[in-house]
Amino acid sequence: MMKVSKEAIEKKSKRTSEYNIHSHLVFTLLLNFIMGVHTQYSENIRNQFLHPV
């Protein structure tokens, strides 16, 4: 009983850590993409918001 629950907990924690690593990678990629797009188009976006056509 104790052994089974311990294995289940280890399996769950391993899956959780893999999920955390995956989500962290996705978050980092998204953040880099957003920052790149922001720096690339920030002037246009700012001009559009400040001076709408």
Protein backbone atom coordinates (compact mmCIF):
# COMPACT_ATOMS: atom_id res chain seq x y z
CA MET A 1 0.00 0.00 0.00
CA MET A 2 2.69 2.47 1.03
CA LYS A 3 4.94 1.41 -1.87
CA VAL A 4 2.17 1.88 -4.42
CA SER A 5 1.26 5.35 -3.16
CA LYS A 6 4.93 6.33 -3.09
CA GLU A 7 5.39 5.22 -6.70
CA ALA A 8 2.22 7.06 -7.69
CA ILE A 9 3.46 10.23 -5.99
CA GLU A 10 6.86 9.96 -7.69
CA LYS A 11 5.20 9.38 -11.05
CA LYS A 12 2.88 12.34 -10.51
CA SER A 13 5.70 14.64 -9.41
CA LYS A 14 7.78 13.57 -12.43
CA ARG A 15 4.89 14.31 -14.75
CA THR A 16 4.33 17.66 -13.01
CA SER A 17 7.99 18.65 -13.33
CA GLU A 18 7.99 17.70 -17.02
CA TYR A 19 4.84 19.79 -17.48
CA ASN A 20 6.44 22.71 -15.63
CA ILE A 21 9.56 22.52 -17.81
CA HIS A 22 7.41 22.33 -20.96
CA SER A 23 5.20 25.25 -19.93
CA HIS A 24 8.30 27.26 -18.98
CA LEU A 25 9.81 26.66 -22.42
CA VAL A 26 6.55 27.62 -24.12
CA PHE A 27 6.27 30.73 -21.94
CA THR A 28 9.85 31.74 -22.73
CA LEU A 29 9.31 31.27 -26.47
CA LEU A 30 6.06 33.23 -26.33
CA LEU A 31 7.72 36.00 -24.33
CA ASN A 32 10.63 36.22 -26.78
CA PHE A 33 8.19 36.27 -29.71
CA ILE A 34 6.02 38.95 -28.12
CA MET A 35 9.03 41.09 -27.24
CA GLY A 36 10.43 40.73 -30.75
CA VAL A 37 7.13 41.68 -32.33
CA HIS A 38 6.74 44.51 -29.83
CA THR A 39 10.14 46.01 -30.60
CA GLN A 40 9.57 45.52 -34.32
CA TYR A 41 6.11 47.08 -34.50
CA SER A 42 5.97 49.24 -31.36
CA GLU A 43 6.42 52.48 -33.32
CA ASN A 44 3.58 51.64 -35.73
CA ILE A 45 1.30 50.47 -32.91
CA ARG A 46 2.09 53.53 -30.80
CA ASN A 47 1.46 55.86 -33.72
CA GLN A 48 -1.83 54.10 -34.51
CA PHE A 49 -3.02 54.43 -30.91
CA LEU A 50 -1.86 58.02 -30.49
CA HIS A 51 -2.96 59.18 -33.95
CA PRO A 52 -5.82 56.94 -35.13
CA VAL A 53 -6.67 57.31 -38.79
